[in-house]
Amino acid sequence: MLGISAAGRSGRKFFDQLARLDWASDRTDIYQAPPGQYLGGEPVFVPDPDARATRGAVVCQSFDAARVESAFLVFDAFALAAGPIAAVTLRSPIPLLFHSAFIAR
């Protein structure tokens, strides 16, 4: 899920955290985006086909305000705090939309 580190404070707020909660152990794993970088879309879990529940990746849209640059960040789904393991930078910036995964048929 996405989170806002400035929650509860006055002023504008943007999603700048990617979080995972393990209900069984009550542990959290949170990636904090650098200042001026924001997250958007709906993070998507992509399971490892050989180990669906224990390995996979999370893809999340990002926007760097200083560079005016959009990217899709790829994270190890079970080590979010370690930061992205890959980034796909887009040629043109795109808006931080709510939904990021659609299936075209």
N, C-alpha and C. Protein backbone atom coordinates (compact mmCIF):
# COMPACT_ATOMS: atom_id res chain seq x y z
N MET A 1 0.84 -1.17 0.00
CA MET A 1 0.00 0.00 0.00
C MET A 1 0.88 1.23 0.00
N LEU A 2 0.31 2.37 -0.38
CA LEU A 2 1.03 3.64 -0.35
C LEU A 2 0.77 4.34 0.98
N GLY A 3 1.75 5.11 1.43
CA GLY A 3 1.62 5.85 2.67
C GLY A 3 2.12 7.27 2.51
N ILE A 4 1.78 8.11 3.46
CA ILE A 4 2.18 9.52 3.47
C ILE A 4 2.94 9.78 4.76
N SER A 5 4.24 10.08 4.64
CA SER A 5 5.05 10.28 5.85
C SER A 5 4.64 11.54 6.61
N ALA A 6 4.02 12.50 5.95
CA ALA A 6 3.61 13.75 6.59
C ALA A 6 2.18 13.71 7.11
N ALA A 7 1.59 12.53 7.20
CA ALA A 7 0.22 12.41 7.70
C ALA A 7 0.11 13.06 9.07
N GLY A 8 -0.98 13.80 9.27
CA GLY A 8 -1.21 14.47 10.54
C GLY A 8 -0.60 15.85 10.63
N ARG A 9 0.22 16.23 9.67
CA ARG A 9 0.80 17.57 9.64
C ARG A 9 0.01 18.44 8.66
N SER A 10 0.07 19.74 8.87
CA SER A 10 -0.64 20.64 7.95
C SER A 10 0.13 20.77 6.64
N GLY A 11 -0.55 21.24 5.63
CA GLY A 11 0.08 21.46 4.33
C GLY A 11 -0.23 20.34 3.35
N ARG A 12 0.30 20.53 2.14
CA ARG A 12 0.08 19.54 1.08
C ARG A 12 0.80 18.24 1.42
N LYS A 13 0.19 17.17 0.98
CA LYS A 13 0.77 15.86 1.22
C LYS A 13 0.71 15.02 -0.04
N PHE A 14 1.70 14.18 -0.19
CA PHE A 14 1.78 13.28 -1.33
C PHE A 14 2.21 11.91 -0.83
N PHE A 15 1.84 10.87 -1.57
CA PHE A 15 2.31 9.53 -1.23
C PHE A 15 3.83 9.48 -1.42
N ASP A 16 4.54 9.10 -0.38
CA ASP A 16 5.99 9.00 -0.47
C ASP A 16 6.52 7.75 0.24
N GLN A 17 5.63 6.82 0.54
CA GLN A 17 6.02 5.56 1.17
C GLN A 17 5.32 4.40 0.48
N LEU A 18 6.05 3.29 0.41
CA LEU A 18 5.48 2.03 -0.05
C LEU A 18 5.59 1.08 1.14
N ALA A 19 4.48 0.51 1.56
CA ALA A 19 4.48 -0.27 2.80
C ALA A 19 3.86 -1.65 2.60
N ARG A 20 4.35 -2.58 3.40
CA ARG A 20 3.81 -3.94 3.45
C ARG A 20 3.67 -4.33 4.92
N LEU A 21 2.54 -4.87 5.27
CA LEU A 21 2.30 -5.35 6.63
C LEU A 21 2.12 -6.85 6.59
N ASP A 22 2.86 -7.55 7.42
CA ASP A 22 2.73 -9.00 7.54
C ASP A 22 1.77 -9.25 8.69
N TRP A 23 0.55 -9.65 8.35
CA TRP A 23 -0.48 -9.83 9.37
C TRP A 23 -0.11 -10.91 10.38
N ALA A 24 0.60 -11.95 9.94
CA ALA A 24 0.94 -13.06 10.84
C ALA A 24 1.93 -12.64 11.93
N SER A 25 2.90 -11.81 11.56
CA SER A 25 3.93 -11.43 12.54
C SER A 25 3.76 -10.00 13.04
N ASP A 26 2.84 -9.24 12.43
CA ASP A 26 2.61 -7.84 12.77
C ASP A 26 3.84 -6.96 12.48
N ARG A 27 4.68 -7.39 11.52
CA ARG A 27 5.85 -6.60 11.12
C ARG A 27 5.52 -5.75 9.91
N THR A 28 6.16 -4.60 9.82
CA THR A 28 5.99 -3.73 8.67
C THR A 28 7.31 -3.60 7.92
N ASP A 29 7.22 -3.34 6.65
CA ASP A 29 8.36 -3.14 5.78
C ASP A 29 8.02 -1.89 4.96
N ILE A 30 8.77 -0.80 5.15
CA ILE A 30 8.41 0.48 4.53
C ILE A 30 9.59 1.05 3.74
N TYR A 31 9.32 1.39 2.48
CA TYR A 31 10.27 2.13 1.66
C TYR A 31 9.89 3.60 1.75
N GLN A 32 10.85 4.45 2.08
CA GLN A 32 10.65 5.89 2.14
C GLN A 32 11.32 6.51 0.92
N ALA A 33 10.53 7.12 0.05
CA ALA A 33 11.08 7.77 -1.14
C ALA A 33 11.93 8.96 -0.73
N PRO A 34 12.97 9.28 -1.50
CA PRO A 34 13.78 10.46 -1.21
C PRO A 34 12.93 11.74 -1.30
N PRO A 35 13.35 12.82 -0.63
CA PRO A 35 12.61 14.09 -0.72
C PRO A 35 12.42 14.51 -2.18
N GLY A 36 11.21 14.96 -2.50
CA GLY A 36 10.91 15.42 -3.86
C GLY A 36 10.52 14.31 -4.82
N GLN A 37 10.52 13.08 -4.34
CA GLN A 37 10.07 11.97 -5.17
C GLN A 37 8.78 11.42 -4.55
N TYR A 38 7.81 11.16 -5.42
CA TYR A 38 6.49 10.76 -4.96
C TYR A 38 6.06 9.47 -5.65
N LEU A 39 5.20 8.75 -4.98
CA LEU A 39 4.71 7.47 -5.51
C LEU A 39 3.25 7.62 -5.89
N GLY A 40 2.81 6.84 -6.84
CA GLY A 40 1.42 6.92 -7.27
C GLY A 40 0.98 5.60 -7.85
N GLY A 41 -0.15 5.66 -8.47
CA GLY A 41 -0.71 4.44 -9.03
C GLY A 41 -1.14 3.50 -7.92
N GLU A 42 -1.35 2.30 -8.28
CA GLU A 42 -1.72 1.26 -7.34
C GLU A 42 -0.60 0.23 -7.40
N PRO A 43 0.21 0.09 -6.34
CA PRO A 43 1.30 -0.88 -6.39
C PRO A 43 0.77 -2.26 -6.77
N VAL A 44 1.51 -2.94 -7.63
CA VAL A 44 1.09 -4.24 -8.16
C VAL A 44 2.07 -5.31 -7.71
N PHE A 45 1.55 -6.38 -7.11
CA PHE A 45 2.37 -7.53 -6.74
C PHE A 45 2.44 -8.48 -7.91
N VAL A 46 3.65 -8.86 -8.29
CA VAL A 46 3.87 -9.82 -9.37
C VAL A 46 4.52 -11.05 -8.74
N PRO A 47 3.75 -12.14 -8.55
CA PRO A 47 4.31 -13.30 -7.87
C PRO A 47 5.33 -14.05 -8.71
N ASP A 48 6.30 -14.65 -8.04
CA ASP A 48 7.22 -15.58 -8.68
C ASP A 48 6.40 -16.82 -9.00
N PRO A 49 6.37 -17.27 -10.25
CA PRO A 49 5.52 -18.41 -10.60
C PRO A 49 5.91 -19.70 -9.87
N ASP A 50 7.14 -19.79 -9.38
CA ASP A 50 7.58 -20.99 -8.67
C ASP A 50 7.35 -20.93 -7.17
N ALA A 51 7.07 -19.76 -6.65
CA ALA A 51 6.89 -19.60 -5.19
C ALA A 51 5.91 -18.47 -4.93
N ARG A 52 4.69 -18.60 -5.37
CA ARG A 52 3.70 -17.53 -5.39
C ARG A 52 3.58 -16.72 -4.10
N ALA A 53 3.58 -17.35 -2.96
CA ALA A 53 3.32 -16.62 -1.71
C ALA A 53 4.58 -16.14 -1.01
N THR A 54 5.73 -16.62 -1.44
CA THR A 54 6.95 -16.29 -0.70
C THR A 54 7.97 -15.48 -1.47
N ARG A 55 7.78 -15.29 -2.76
CA ARG A 55 8.71 -14.48 -3.55
C ARG A 55 7.93 -13.74 -4.62
N GLY A 56 8.43 -12.56 -4.97
CA GLY A 56 7.79 -11.81 -6.03
C GLY A 56 8.32 -10.39 -6.04
N ALA A 57 7.72 -9.58 -6.88
CA ALA A 57 8.12 -8.19 -7.03
C ALA A 57 6.90 -7.29 -6.87
N VAL A 58 7.16 -6.05 -6.53
CA VAL A 58 6.12 -5.03 -6.49
C VAL A 58 6.54 -3.94 -7.48
N VAL A 59 5.62 -3.54 -8.34
CA VAL A 59 5.86 -2.46 -9.30
C VAL A 59 5.03 -1.27 -8.87
N CYS A 60 5.69 -0.10 -8.81
CA CYS A 60 5.01 1.11 -8.35
C CYS A 60 5.45 2.31 -9.19
N GLN A 61 4.52 3.15 -9.54
CA GLN A 61 4.78 4.35 -10.31
C GLN A 61 5.45 5.39 -9.41
N SER A 62 6.40 6.17 -9.98
CA SER A 62 7.04 7.24 -9.22
C SER A 62 7.17 8.49 -10.07
N PHE A 63 7.35 9.61 -9.38
CA PHE A 63 7.56 10.90 -10.05
C PHE A 63 8.63 11.67 -9.29
N ASP A 64 9.66 12.11 -9.99
CA ASP A 64 10.72 12.93 -9.42
C ASP A 64 10.43 14.38 -9.80
N ALA A 65 10.03 15.19 -8.82
CA ALA A 65 9.61 16.57 -9.09
C ALA A 65 10.76 17.45 -9.56
N ALA A 66 11.96 17.24 -9.05
CA ALA A 66 13.11 18.06 -9.44
C ALA A 66 13.50 17.79 -10.89
N ARG A 67 13.43 16.56 -11.30
CA ARG A 67 13.81 16.19 -12.67
C ARG A 67 12.62 16.21 -13.64
N VAL A 68 11.40 16.34 -13.09
CA VAL A 68 10.16 16.23 -13.88
C VAL A 68 10.24 14.94 -14.70
N GLU A 69 10.39 13.83 -13.98
CA GLU A 69 10.62 12.54 -14.61
C GLU A 69 9.77 11.45 -13.93
N SER A 70 9.12 10.65 -14.75
CA SER A 70 8.32 9.53 -14.25
C SER A 70 9.06 8.22 -14.49
N ALA A 71 8.78 7.26 -13.61
CA ALA A 71 9.38 5.93 -13.76
C ALA A 71 8.48 4.91 -13.10
N PHE A 72 8.72 3.66 -13.43
CA PHE A 72 8.11 2.55 -12.70
C PHE A 72 9.24 1.89 -11.94
N LEU A 73 9.08 1.80 -10.62
CA LEU A 73 10.07 1.20 -9.76
C LEU A 73 9.70 -0.25 -9.49
N VAL A 74 10.71 -1.11 -9.46
CA VAL A 74 10.50 -2.53 -9.17
C VAL A 74 11.21 -2.84 -7.85
N PHE A 75 10.47 -3.45 -6.92
CA PHE A 75 10.98 -3.79 -5.60
C PHE A 75 10.90 -5.29 -5.38
N ASP A 76 11.82 -5.82 -4.56
CA ASP A 76 11.64 -7.16 -4.02
C ASP A 76 10.45 -7.04 -3.07
N ALA A 77 9.41 -7.79 -3.29
CA ALA A 77 8.17 -7.64 -2.52
C ALA A 77 8.36 -7.89 -1.02
N PHE A 78 9.41 -8.59 -0.65
CA PHE A 78 9.62 -8.93 0.75
C PHE A 78 10.82 -8.19 1.34
N ALA A 79 11.26 -7.13 0.65
CA ALA A 79 12.36 -6.29 1.15
C ALA A 79 12.19 -4.87 0.62
N LEU A 80 11.02 -4.29 0.85
CA LEU A 80 10.72 -2.95 0.33
C LEU A 80 11.68 -1.90 0.84
N ALA A 81 12.02 -1.95 2.12
CA ALA A 81 12.88 -0.93 2.72
C ALA A 81 14.25 -0.86 2.06
N ALA A 82 14.67 -1.93 1.41
CA ALA A 82 15.97 -1.94 0.72
C ALA A 82 15.97 -1.05 -0.51
N GLY A 83 14.80 -0.61 -0.94
CA GLY A 83 14.70 0.27 -2.10
C GLY A 83 14.51 -0.51 -3.38
N PRO A 84 14.32 0.21 -4.48
CA PRO A 84 14.03 -0.44 -5.75
C PRO A 84 15.23 -1.25 -6.25
N ILE A 85 14.93 -2.38 -6.89
CA ILE A 85 15.98 -3.19 -7.50
C ILE A 85 16.13 -2.85 -8.98
N ALA A 86 15.16 -2.11 -9.51
CA ALA A 86 15.21 -1.66 -10.90
C ALA A 86 14.26 -0.48 -11.07
N ALA A 87 14.54 0.33 -12.10
CA ALA A 87 13.68 1.46 -12.43
C ALA A 87 13.58 1.56 -13.94
N VAL A 88 12.37 1.74 -14.42
CA VAL A 88 12.13 1.95 -15.85
C VAL A 88 11.68 3.38 -16.01
N THR A 89 12.58 4.24 -16.49
CA THR A 89 12.29 5.66 -16.67
C THR A 89 11.54 5.86 -17.98
N LEU A 90 10.51 6.68 -17.92
CA LEU A 90 9.68 6.94 -19.10
C LEU A 90 10.20 8.15 -19.87
N ARG A 91 9.94 8.19 -21.16
CA ARG A 91 10.40 9.31 -21.99
C ARG A 91 9.76 10.63 -21.61
N SER A 92 8.51 10.56 -21.19
CA SER A 92 7.76 11.76 -20.80
C SER A 92 7.11 11.51 -19.45
N PRO A 93 7.00 12.56 -18.62
CA PRO A 93 6.33 12.37 -17.33
C PRO A 93 4.85 12.07 -17.52
N ILE A 94 4.30 11.30 -16.60
CA ILE A 94 2.89 10.98 -16.62
C ILE A 94 2.30 11.33 -15.26
N PRO A 95 0.98 11.62 -15.19
CA PRO A 95 0.38 11.96 -13.91
C PRO A 95 0.38 10.77 -12.95
N LEU A 96 0.41 11.07 -11.66
CA LEU A 96 0.35 10.03 -10.64
C LEU A 96 -1.11 9.60 -10.49
N LEU A 97 -1.50 8.63 -11.24
CA LEU A 97 -2.87 8.15 -11.24
C LEU A 97 -3.09 7.13 -10.15
N PHE A 98 -4.33 6.87 -9.82
CA PHE A 98 -4.64 5.93 -8.73
C PHE A 98 -4.43 4.48 -9.16
N HIS A 99 -4.97 4.07 -10.29
CA HIS A 99 -4.85 2.69 -10.72
C HIS A 99 -3.70 2.56 -11.70
N SER A 100 -2.93 1.49 -11.56
CA SER A 100 -1.78 1.31 -12.45
C SER A 100 -1.82 0.00 -13.21
N ALA A 101 -2.79 -0.84 -12.97
CA ALA A 101 -2.82 -2.13 -13.65
C ALA A 101 -4.19 -2.36 -14.28
N PHE A 102 -4.17 -2.55 -15.57
CA PHE A 102 -5.39 -2.84 -16.30
C PHE A 102 -5.09 -3.99 -17.25
N ILE A 103 -6.04 -4.83 -17.48
CA ILE A 103 -5.86 -5.94 -18.39
C ILE A 103 -6.62 -5.63 -19.67
N ALA A 104 -5.91 -5.60 -20.78
CA ALA A 104 -6.55 -5.38 -22.07
C ALA A 104 -6.86 -6.72 -22.71
N ARG A 105 -8.02 -6.85 -23.23
CA ARG A 105 -8.38 -8.13 -23.86
C ARG A 105 -8.69 -7.90 -25.32
